Amino acid sequence: MPHIELSFFPRDLNEEQQQALASDLCEAVKKHFGSRDASLSVALHAVEKENWKAQIYDRRIKPELDQLAKKPGYEM
């Protein structure tokens, strides 16, 4: 039952582009986990640049740096 959450700076993505992104993310997860579409969910979270450090980096990235499969190339 993978749930994918993607946080990013706001982009002007229409519904079709959001669905294409979600589909691409799901394809990668299906490939590596053997999941089915029915078991996947995707959440897209636009976060303003000025809020990134407090909302994402400090709360979600920094506390889990040792567990991240891919670490960011920046520090805050």
N, C-alpha and C. Protein backbone atom coordinates (compact mmCIF):
# COMPACT_ATOMS: atom_id res chain seq x y z
N MET A 1 0.82 -1.19 0.00
CA MET A 1 0.00 0.00 0.00
C MET A 1 0.86 1.25 0.00
N PRO A 2 1.77 1.42 -0.92
CA PRO A 2 2.57 2.64 -0.91
C PRO A 2 1.74 3.90 -1.10
N HIS A 3 2.11 4.90 -0.31
CA HIS A 3 1.55 6.25 -0.46
C HIS A 3 2.72 7.16 -0.78
N ILE A 4 2.63 7.88 -1.87
CA ILE A 4 3.71 8.75 -2.33
C ILE A 4 3.34 10.19 -2.01
N GLU A 5 4.23 10.90 -1.35
CA GLU A 5 4.03 12.33 -1.09
C GLU A 5 5.18 13.09 -1.71
N LEU A 6 4.85 14.08 -2.51
CA LEU A 6 5.86 14.90 -3.17
C LEU A 6 5.63 16.35 -2.81
N SER A 7 6.64 16.96 -2.17
CA SER A 7 6.59 18.37 -1.83
C SER A 7 7.52 19.11 -2.79
N PHE A 8 7.11 20.29 -3.22
CA PHE A 8 7.85 21.02 -4.24
C PHE A 8 7.47 22.49 -4.18
N PHE A 9 8.34 23.34 -4.76
CA PHE A 9 7.97 24.74 -4.92
C PHE A 9 6.80 24.79 -5.89
N PRO A 10 5.88 25.73 -5.71
CA PRO A 10 4.70 25.81 -6.57
C PRO A 10 5.05 25.85 -8.06
N ARG A 11 4.30 25.09 -8.80
CA ARG A 11 4.40 25.03 -10.26
C ARG A 11 3.00 25.20 -10.81
N ASP A 12 2.89 25.74 -11.98
CA ASP A 12 1.59 25.92 -12.62
C ASP A 12 1.26 24.65 -13.40
N LEU A 13 0.88 23.60 -12.68
CA LEU A 13 0.55 22.33 -13.30
C LEU A 13 -0.96 22.21 -13.40
N ASN A 14 -1.43 21.97 -14.60
CA ASN A 14 -2.87 21.76 -14.75
C ASN A 14 -3.21 20.33 -14.33
N GLU A 15 -4.48 20.00 -14.32
CA GLU A 15 -4.93 18.68 -13.88
C GLU A 15 -4.28 17.55 -14.70
N GLU A 16 -4.17 17.74 -16.00
CA GLU A 16 -3.56 16.72 -16.87
C GLU A 16 -2.09 16.51 -16.51
N GLN A 17 -1.36 17.59 -16.25
CA GLN A 17 0.05 17.48 -15.88
C GLN A 17 0.21 16.82 -14.51
N GLN A 18 -0.68 17.15 -13.58
CA GLN A 18 -0.63 16.51 -12.26
C GLN A 18 -0.88 15.02 -12.38
N GLN A 19 -1.83 14.64 -13.19
CA GLN A 19 -2.13 13.21 -13.39
C GLN A 19 -0.97 12.49 -14.06
N ALA A 20 -0.30 13.16 -15.01
CA ALA A 20 0.85 12.56 -15.69
C ALA A 20 2.00 12.36 -14.69
N LEU A 21 2.23 13.34 -13.83
CA LEU A 21 3.27 13.22 -12.81
C LEU A 21 2.95 12.08 -11.86
N ALA A 22 1.71 12.02 -11.38
CA ALA A 22 1.30 10.94 -10.48
C ALA A 22 1.47 9.58 -11.15
N SER A 23 1.11 9.49 -12.41
CA SER A 23 1.25 8.24 -13.15
C SER A 23 2.72 7.83 -13.26
N ASP A 24 3.60 8.78 -13.57
CA ASP A 24 5.03 8.47 -13.67
C ASP A 24 5.59 8.00 -12.33
N LEU A 25 5.20 8.67 -11.25
CA LEU A 25 5.65 8.25 -9.92
C LEU A 25 5.17 6.83 -9.61
N CYS A 26 3.92 6.56 -9.94
CA CYS A 26 3.36 5.23 -9.69
C CYS A 26 4.07 4.16 -10.50
N GLU A 27 4.42 4.47 -11.73
CA GLU A 27 5.13 3.49 -12.56
C GLU A 27 6.46 3.09 -11.92
N ALA A 28 7.19 4.06 -11.37
CA ALA A 28 8.47 3.76 -10.71
C ALA A 28 8.25 2.88 -9.48
N VAL A 29 7.23 3.19 -8.70
CA VAL A 29 6.95 2.38 -7.51
C VAL A 29 6.49 0.98 -7.90
N LYS A 30 5.64 0.88 -8.91
CA LYS A 30 5.20 -0.46 -9.36
C LYS A 30 6.39 -1.29 -9.82
N LYS A 31 7.32 -0.67 -10.52
CA LYS A 31 8.50 -1.38 -11.02
C LYS A 31 9.33 -1.95 -9.88
N HIS A 32 9.53 -1.18 -8.83
CA HIS A 32 10.44 -1.59 -7.75
C HIS A 32 9.76 -2.34 -6.61
N PHE A 33 8.46 -2.14 -6.43
CA PHE A 33 7.74 -2.78 -5.33
C PHE A 33 6.79 -3.87 -5.80
N GLY A 34 6.51 -3.92 -7.09
CA GLY A 34 5.55 -4.88 -7.58
C GLY A 34 4.12 -4.53 -7.18
N SER A 35 3.88 -3.26 -6.90
CA SER A 35 2.55 -2.80 -6.49
C SER A 35 1.59 -2.76 -7.66
N ARG A 36 0.30 -2.71 -7.32
CA ARG A 36 -0.74 -2.54 -8.33
C ARG A 36 -1.28 -1.12 -8.21
N ASP A 37 -1.85 -0.61 -9.30
CA ASP A 37 -2.42 0.74 -9.28
C ASP A 37 -3.41 0.92 -8.14
N ALA A 38 -4.22 -0.08 -7.89
CA ALA A 38 -5.26 0.03 -6.86
C ALA A 38 -4.68 0.22 -5.46
N SER A 39 -3.42 -0.13 -5.26
CA SER A 39 -2.83 -0.01 -3.93
C SER A 39 -2.04 1.28 -3.74
N LEU A 40 -1.93 2.09 -4.78
CA LEU A 40 -1.12 3.30 -4.73
C LEU A 40 -1.95 4.56 -4.55
N SER A 41 -1.39 5.52 -3.82
CA SER A 41 -1.99 6.85 -3.72
C SER A 41 -0.87 7.87 -3.80
N VAL A 42 -1.21 9.06 -4.30
CA VAL A 42 -0.22 10.11 -4.50
C VAL A 42 -0.77 11.44 -4.00
N ALA A 43 0.04 12.15 -3.22
CA ALA A 43 -0.30 13.50 -2.77
C ALA A 43 0.75 14.47 -3.27
N LEU A 44 0.31 15.54 -3.88
CA LEU A 44 1.21 16.58 -4.37
C LEU A 44 1.03 17.81 -3.51
N HIS A 45 2.13 18.27 -2.88
CA HIS A 45 2.08 19.40 -1.95
C HIS A 45 2.96 20.54 -2.45
N ALA A 46 2.35 21.63 -2.88
CA ALA A 46 3.10 22.82 -3.25
C ALA A 46 3.42 23.60 -1.98
N VAL A 47 4.69 23.93 -1.80
CA VAL A 47 5.14 24.65 -0.61
C VAL A 47 5.88 25.90 -1.08
N GLU A 48 5.46 27.04 -0.60
CA GLU A 48 6.11 28.29 -0.98
C GLU A 48 7.58 28.25 -0.56
N LYS A 49 8.44 28.83 -1.40
CA LYS A 49 9.88 28.81 -1.17
C LYS A 49 10.23 29.33 0.23
N GLU A 50 9.58 30.40 0.66
CA GLU A 50 9.90 30.98 1.97
C GLU A 50 9.46 30.09 3.13
N ASN A 51 8.63 29.10 2.87
CA ASN A 51 8.17 28.18 3.91
C ASN A 51 8.89 26.83 3.89
N TRP A 52 9.73 26.61 2.89
CA TRP A 52 10.38 25.31 2.70
C TRP A 52 11.18 24.88 3.94
N LYS A 53 12.00 25.77 4.47
CA LYS A 53 12.86 25.41 5.60
C LYS A 53 12.02 24.97 6.80
N ALA A 54 11.05 25.77 7.18
CA ALA A 54 10.26 25.46 8.37
C ALA A 54 9.33 24.27 8.16
N GLN A 55 8.67 24.21 7.02
CA GLN A 55 7.67 23.16 6.80
C GLN A 55 8.24 21.83 6.33
N ILE A 56 9.27 21.87 5.52
CA ILE A 56 9.78 20.63 4.93
C ILE A 56 11.17 20.26 5.47
N TYR A 57 12.14 21.15 5.30
CA TYR A 57 13.51 20.79 5.69
C TYR A 57 13.63 20.50 7.18
N ASP A 58 13.20 21.44 8.02
CA ASP A 58 13.36 21.26 9.46
C ASP A 58 12.52 20.13 10.03
N ARG A 59 11.33 19.91 9.49
CA ARG A 59 10.41 18.90 10.02
C ARG A 59 10.59 17.51 9.42
N ARG A 60 10.95 17.45 8.13
CA ARG A 60 10.92 16.14 7.47
C ARG A 60 12.27 15.68 6.94
N ILE A 61 13.08 16.60 6.45
CA ILE A 61 14.36 16.20 5.85
C ILE A 61 15.46 16.08 6.90
N LYS A 62 15.71 17.15 7.61
CA LYS A 62 16.81 17.17 8.58
C LYS A 62 16.73 16.05 9.62
N PRO A 63 15.57 15.80 10.23
CA PRO A 63 15.51 14.72 11.23
C PRO A 63 15.74 13.33 10.65
N GLU A 64 15.59 13.17 9.35
CA GLU A 64 15.72 11.86 8.73
C GLU A 64 16.92 11.75 7.80
N LEU A 65 17.87 12.67 7.89
CA LEU A 65 19.01 12.66 6.97
C LEU A 65 19.70 11.30 6.88
N ASP A 66 19.88 10.63 8.02
CA ASP A 66 20.57 9.34 8.02
C ASP A 66 19.78 8.24 7.33
N GLN A 67 18.46 8.40 7.23
CA GLN A 67 17.62 7.38 6.62
C GLN A 67 17.27 7.68 5.15
N LEU A 68 17.59 8.86 4.66
CA LEU A 68 17.21 9.21 3.29
C LEU A 68 17.98 8.37 2.28
N ALA A 69 17.27 7.83 1.31
CA ALA A 69 17.91 7.08 0.22
C ALA A 69 18.66 8.02 -0.71
N LYS A 70 18.19 9.25 -0.83
CA LYS A 70 18.85 10.29 -1.63
C LYS A 70 18.82 11.56 -0.81
N LYS A 71 20.00 12.03 -0.41
CA LYS A 71 20.10 13.24 0.40
C LYS A 71 20.12 14.47 -0.51
N PRO A 72 19.60 15.59 -0.02
CA PRO A 72 19.63 16.80 -0.83
C PRO A 72 21.06 17.32 -0.96
N GLY A 73 21.30 18.08 -2.00
CA GLY A 73 22.62 18.68 -2.22
C GLY A 73 22.72 20.05 -1.61
N TYR A 74 21.91 20.32 -0.61
CA TYR A 74 21.92 21.62 0.06
C TYR A 74 21.72 21.42 1.56
N GLU A 75 22.11 22.41 2.31
CA GLU A 75 21.87 22.43 3.76
C GLU A 75 21.19 23.74 4.08
N MET A 76 20.43 23.76 5.15
CA MET A 76 19.77 25.00 5.56
C MET A 76 20.07 25.27 7.02
